[in-house]
Each structure stands twice: as C-alpha cells, then as structure tokens.
C-alpha atoms as a PDB file:
ATOM      1  CA  MET A   1     -13.229  20.265  39.650  1.00  0.00           C
ATOM      2  CA  ARG A   2      -9.703  20.613  38.366  1.00  0.00           C
ATOM      3  CA  PHE A   3      -9.210  16.883  38.190  1.00  0.00           C
ATOM      4  CA  GLU A   4     -12.292  16.538  35.977  1.00  0.00           C
ATOM      5  CA  HIS A   5     -10.900  19.230  33.621  1.00  0.00           C
ATOM      6  CA  LYS A   6      -7.632  17.442  33.298  1.00  0.00           C
ATOM      7  CA  SER A   7      -9.410  14.043  32.712  1.00  0.00           C
ATOM      8  CA  MET A   8     -11.601  15.703  30.039  1.00  0.00           C
ATOM      9  CA  ALA A   9      -8.621  17.289  28.323  1.00  0.00           C
ATOM     10  CA  LEU A  10      -6.761  13.869  28.302  1.00  0.00           C
ATOM     11  CA  TRP A  11      -9.770  12.203  26.703  1.00  0.00           C
ATOM     12  CA  VAL A  12      -9.973  14.994  24.057  1.00  0.00           C
ATOM     13  CA  LEU A  13      -6.315  14.647  23.319  1.00  0.00           C
ATOM     14  CA  ALA A  14      -6.597  10.810  22.967  1.00  0.00           C
ATOM     15  CA  ILE A  15      -9.508  11.178  20.542  1.00  0.00           C
ATOM     16  CA  VAL A  16      -7.732  13.763  18.383  1.00  0.00           C
ATOM     17  CA  LEU A  17      -4.634  11.548  18.208  1.00  0.00           C
ATOM     18  CA  LEU A  18      -6.739   8.578  17.229  1.00  0.00           C
ATOM     19  CA  LEU A  19      -8.414  10.565  14.465  1.00  0.00           C
ATOM     20  CA  ILE A  20      -5.098  11.718  13.092  1.00  0.00           C
ATOM     21  CA  ILE A  21      -3.800   8.100  13.109  1.00  0.00           C
ATOM     22  CA  ILE A  22      -6.892   6.806  11.316  1.00  0.00           C
ATOM     23  CA  GLN A  23      -6.639   9.625   8.695  1.00  0.00           C
ATOM     24  CA  VAL A  24      -2.968   8.996   8.028  1.00  0.00           C
ATOM     25  CA  TRP A  25      -3.700   5.239   7.722  1.00  0.00           C
ATOM     26  CA  GLU A  26      -6.516   5.890   5.250  1.00  0.00           C
ATOM     27  CA  GLN A  27      -4.449   8.179   3.110  1.00  0.00           C
ATOM     28  CA  GLY A  28      -1.747   5.521   2.802  1.00  0.00           C
ATOM     29  CA  ARG A  29      -4.257   2.854   2.054  1.00  0.00           C
ATOM     30  CA  GLN A  30      -5.915   4.936  -0.625  1.00  0.00           C
ATOM     31  CA  THR A  31      -2.572   5.428  -2.593  1.00  0.00           C
ATOM     32  CA  MET A  32      -1.806   1.654  -2.610  1.00  0.00           C
ATOM     33  CA  VAL A  33      -2.866  -0.413  -5.626  1.00  0.00           C
ATOM     34  CA  ALA A  34      -5.323  -3.001  -4.345  1.00  0.00           C
ATOM     35  CA  ASP A  35      -4.990  -6.003  -6.787  1.00  0.00           C
ATOM     36  CA  PHE A  36      -1.403  -5.871  -7.852  1.00  0.00           C
ATOM     37  CA  SER A  37       0.300  -9.201  -8.544  1.00  0.00           C
ATOM     38  CA  TYR A  38       3.728 -10.192  -9.887  1.00  0.00           C
ATOM     39  CA  SER A  39       2.288 -10.886 -13.403  1.00  0.00           C
ATOM     40  CA  ARG A  40       0.506  -7.598 -13.461  1.00  0.00           C
ATOM     41  CA  PHE A  41       3.748  -5.931 -12.392  1.00  0.00           C
ATOM     42  CA  VAL A  42       5.671  -7.548 -15.207  1.00  0.00           C
ATOM     43  CA  GLU A  43       2.988  -6.375 -17.678  1.00  0.00           C
ATOM     44  CA  ALA A  44       3.176  -2.868 -16.314  1.00  0.00           C
ATOM     45  CA  VAL A  45       6.986  -2.787 -16.550  1.00  0.00           C
ATOM     46  CA  LYS A  46       6.910  -3.948 -20.212  1.00  0.00           C
ATOM     47  CA  ALA A  47       4.175  -1.289 -20.960  1.00  0.00           C
ATOM     48  CA  LYS A  48       6.394   1.414 -19.336  1.00  0.00           C
ATOM     49  CA  LYS A  49       3.712   2.203 -16.747  1.00  0.00           C
ATOM     50  CA  ILE A  50       6.034   1.968 -13.752  1.00  0.00           C
ATOM     51  CA  LYS A  51       7.738   5.080 -12.380  1.00  0.00           C
ATOM     52  CA  SER A  52      10.126   3.648  -9.852  1.00  0.00           C
ATOM     53  CA  VAL A  53      10.844   0.275  -8.216  1.00  0.00           C
ATOM     54  CA  SER A  54      12.663  -0.835  -5.096  1.00  0.00           C
ATOM     55  CA  PHE A  55      13.923  -4.453  -4.640  1.00  0.00           C
ATOM     56  CA  SER A  56      14.449  -5.717  -1.210  1.00  0.00           C
ATOM     57  CA  GLU A  57      16.415  -8.950  -1.432  1.00  0.00           C
ATOM     58  CA  SER A  58      16.182  -9.603   2.313  1.00  0.00           C
ATOM     59  CA  SER A  59      12.359  -9.705   2.259  1.00  0.00           C
ATOM     60  CA  HIS A  60      11.958 -10.639  -1.450  1.00  0.00           C
ATOM     61  CA  GLU A  61       9.488  -7.725  -1.920  1.00  0.00           C
ATOM     62  CA  ILE A  62       9.169  -5.344  -4.818  1.00  0.00           C
ATOM     63  CA  SER A  63       7.709  -1.921  -4.000  1.00  0.00           C
ATOM     64  CA  GLY A  64       7.406   1.114  -6.071  1.00  0.00           C
ATOM     65  CA  GLU A  65       5.314   3.738  -7.792  1.00  0.00           C
ATOM     66  CA  ILE A  66       3.121   3.824 -10.920  1.00  0.00           C
ATOM     67  CA  ARG A  67       3.521   6.687 -13.421  1.00  0.00           C
ATOM     68  CA  PRO A  68       1.028   9.523 -12.665  1.00  0.00           C
ATOM     69  CA  GLU A  69      -0.769   9.109 -15.945  1.00  0.00           C
ATOM     70  CA  PHE A  70      -1.576   5.482 -15.207  1.00  0.00           C
ATOM     71  CA  GLU A  71      -2.685   5.909 -11.503  1.00  0.00           C
ATOM     72  CA  LYS A  72      -6.356   5.897 -12.373  1.00  0.00           C
ATOM     73  CA  GLU A  73      -5.945   2.675 -14.462  1.00  0.00           C
ATOM     74  CA  PHE A  74      -4.376   0.928 -11.431  1.00  0.00           C
ATOM     75  CA  GLY A  75      -6.455   2.602  -8.741  1.00  0.00           C
ATOM     76  CA  GLY A  76      -3.537   3.921  -6.813  1.00  0.00           C
ATOM     77  CA  LYS A  77       0.032   5.047  -7.156  1.00  0.00           C
ATOM     78  CA  LYS A  78       2.130   2.746  -4.933  1.00  0.00           C
ATOM     79  CA  PHE A  79       2.472  -0.993  -4.781  1.00  0.00           C
ATOM     80  CA  ARG A  80       4.235  -3.709  -2.702  1.00  0.00           C
ATOM     81  CA  ILE A  81       4.314  -7.317  -3.792  1.00  0.00           C
ATOM     82  CA  PRO A  82       6.445 -10.470  -3.255  1.00  0.00           C
ATOM     83  CA  GLY A  83       8.501 -11.164  -6.388  1.00  0.00           C
ATOM     84  CA  ASN A  84      11.723 -11.955  -8.169  1.00  0.00           C
ATOM     85  CA  THR A  85      14.375  -9.625  -6.639  1.00  0.00           C
ATOM     86  CA  GLY A  86      17.289 -11.677  -7.990  1.00  0.00           C
ATOM     87  CA  ASP A  87      19.252 -11.585 -11.271  1.00  0.00           C
ATOM     88  CA  GLU A  88      16.214 -12.206 -13.466  1.00  0.00           C
ATOM     89  CA  GLY A  89      14.311  -9.330 -11.869  1.00  0.00           C
ATOM     90  CA  TYR A  90      17.312  -7.082 -12.467  1.00  0.00           C
ATOM     91  CA  LYS A  91      17.606  -8.177 -16.073  1.00  0.00           C
ATOM     92  CA  MET A  92      13.938  -7.531 -16.715  1.00  0.00           C
ATOM     93  CA  MET A  93      14.294  -3.992 -15.379  1.00  0.00           C
ATOM     94  CA  VAL A  94      17.287  -3.232 -17.517  1.00  0.00           C
ATOM     95  CA  ALA A  95      15.664  -4.749 -20.582  1.00  0.00           C
ATOM     96  CA  ASN A  96      12.706  -2.434 -20.124  1.00  0.00           C
ATOM     97  CA  GLY A  97      14.764   0.725 -19.690  1.00  0.00           C
ATOM     98  CA  ILE A  98      14.742   0.947 -15.927  1.00  0.00           C
ATOM     99  CA  THR A  99      18.182   1.669 -14.473  1.00  0.00           C
ATOM    100  CA  PRO A 100      18.659   0.264 -11.000  1.00  0.00           C
ATOM    101  CA  ASP A 101      20.448   2.119  -8.249  1.00  0.00           C
ATOM    102  CA  TYR A 102      21.611   0.136  -5.245  1.00  0.00           C
ATOM    103  CA  ASP A 103      21.487   1.565  -1.720  1.00  0.00           C
ATOM    104  CA  LYS A 104      22.603  -0.298   1.392  1.00  0.00           C
ATOM    105  CA  SER A 105      19.726  -0.828   3.750  1.00  0.00           C
ATOM    106  CA  ASP A 106      19.874  -2.281   7.257  1.00  0.00           C
ATOM    107  CA  SER A 107      16.166  -1.656   8.016  1.00  0.00           C
ATOM    108  CA  GLY A 108      14.167  -4.755   8.530  1.00  0.00           C
ATOM    109  CA  ASN A 109      17.271  -6.550   9.832  1.00  0.00           C
ATOM    110  CA  ILE A 110      16.471  -7.013  13.619  1.00  0.00           C
ATOM    111  CA  LEU A 111      20.065  -8.140  14.322  1.00  0.00           C
ATOM    112  CA  VAL A 112      21.466  -4.786  13.288  1.00  0.00           C
ATOM    113  CA  ALA A 113      19.184  -2.913  15.658  1.00  0.00           C
ATOM    114  CA  SER A 114      20.026  -5.180  18.562  1.00  0.00           C
ATOM    115  CA  PRO A 115      22.870  -3.990  20.838  1.00  0.00           C
ATOM    116  CA  PHE A 116      23.699  -7.641  21.494  1.00  0.00           C
ATOM    117  CA  ALA A 117      24.266  -8.496  17.867  1.00  0.00           C
ATOM    118  CA  TYR A 118      27.781  -6.996  17.578  1.00  0.00           C
ATOM    119  CA  GLY A 119      29.611  -8.839  14.853  1.00  0.00           C
ATOM    120  CA  LYS A 120      26.510 -10.575  13.598  1.00  0.00           C
ATOM    121  CA  GLN A 121      25.471  -7.804  11.213  1.00  0.00           C
ATOM    122  CA  LYS A 122      24.361  -8.982   7.800  1.00  0.00           C
ATOM    123  CA  GLU A 123      24.350  -6.725   4.831  1.00  0.00           C
ATOM    124  CA  SER A 124      21.225  -6.305   2.750  1.00  0.00           C
ATOM    125  CA  TYR A 125      20.785  -4.097  -0.232  1.00  0.00           C
ATOM    126  CA  VAL A 126      17.746  -2.363  -1.689  1.00  0.00           C
ATOM    127  CA  CYS A 127      17.648  -1.718  -5.384  1.00  0.00           C
ATOM    128  CA  ARG A 128      15.871   1.561  -6.150  1.00  0.00           C
ATOM    129  CA  CYS A 129      15.047   1.564  -9.927  1.00  0.00           C
ATOM    130  CA  SER A 130      13.566   4.394 -11.906  1.00  0.00           C
ATOM    131  CA  GLY A 131      12.267   4.300 -15.409  1.00  0.00           C
ATOM    132  CA  SER A 132      13.526   6.769 -17.973  1.00  0.00           C
END
C-alpha cells in the first residue's frame, strides 16, 4: 500500500509541475507582440511608442518593450525580431531620442560556457536602449 501512495504522490507532483510550466509559458506568450516586423518596429520608434530596446549583435536580434500606453494597440508589451543591430540601427535610435547603454553579454555564446574553450572566448555586446 505504501508504494501505491508514493507512486500517486509522484504523479500528482508531475501534474502540478506541468501545469505550472504551462501557465508560465502562456503568460510569457501573452505579453509578446504577435505580428511585429522590422518595418513596424521602425514606425513605432519614430512614433515614440517604444519603451526600451536591446540589440544583440551576435544574434542580430532586437528585443524590447512597448510603452504601457500603447500595449493595447500592439497586443502585447514585449517583442523580439531580427533586424539591423549595426551602426544604422544605433543611429536610428539616437535620432529618435533613445539613448543606448552597452552591456557586455556572454550569454548565447556556447564557447564561453564550454570548459574546453579556454582562450577561444569571443566578446559580444548587448545594447540596452531606453527612450526618454
């Protein structure tokens, strides 16, 4: 009888963990803007609808947040898109009043995490930009 109780408890724990994972995933999905393209991003930057932006030059992705007053218009508050993370992207941010702040980021670089990659580390930077 004891073994059956332990087995039942394990199944209940597994189901609870699965439900928690599904709920966290759904919450993250609900906050993401669904149809966000680079051209729509450029329009939003020019219209001062972007709260913050992060450039990842290693993955050429732009991620960030929409200003709270425009979340309904975009159907979410966060976005992640491929885009221009080079000089032109930087110039566009500055021209529209978003001051970039650069942070060194080694995440996403598998060589940095590998213990066998000593001396092969490559620097990558993330630009965290926020609008004024």
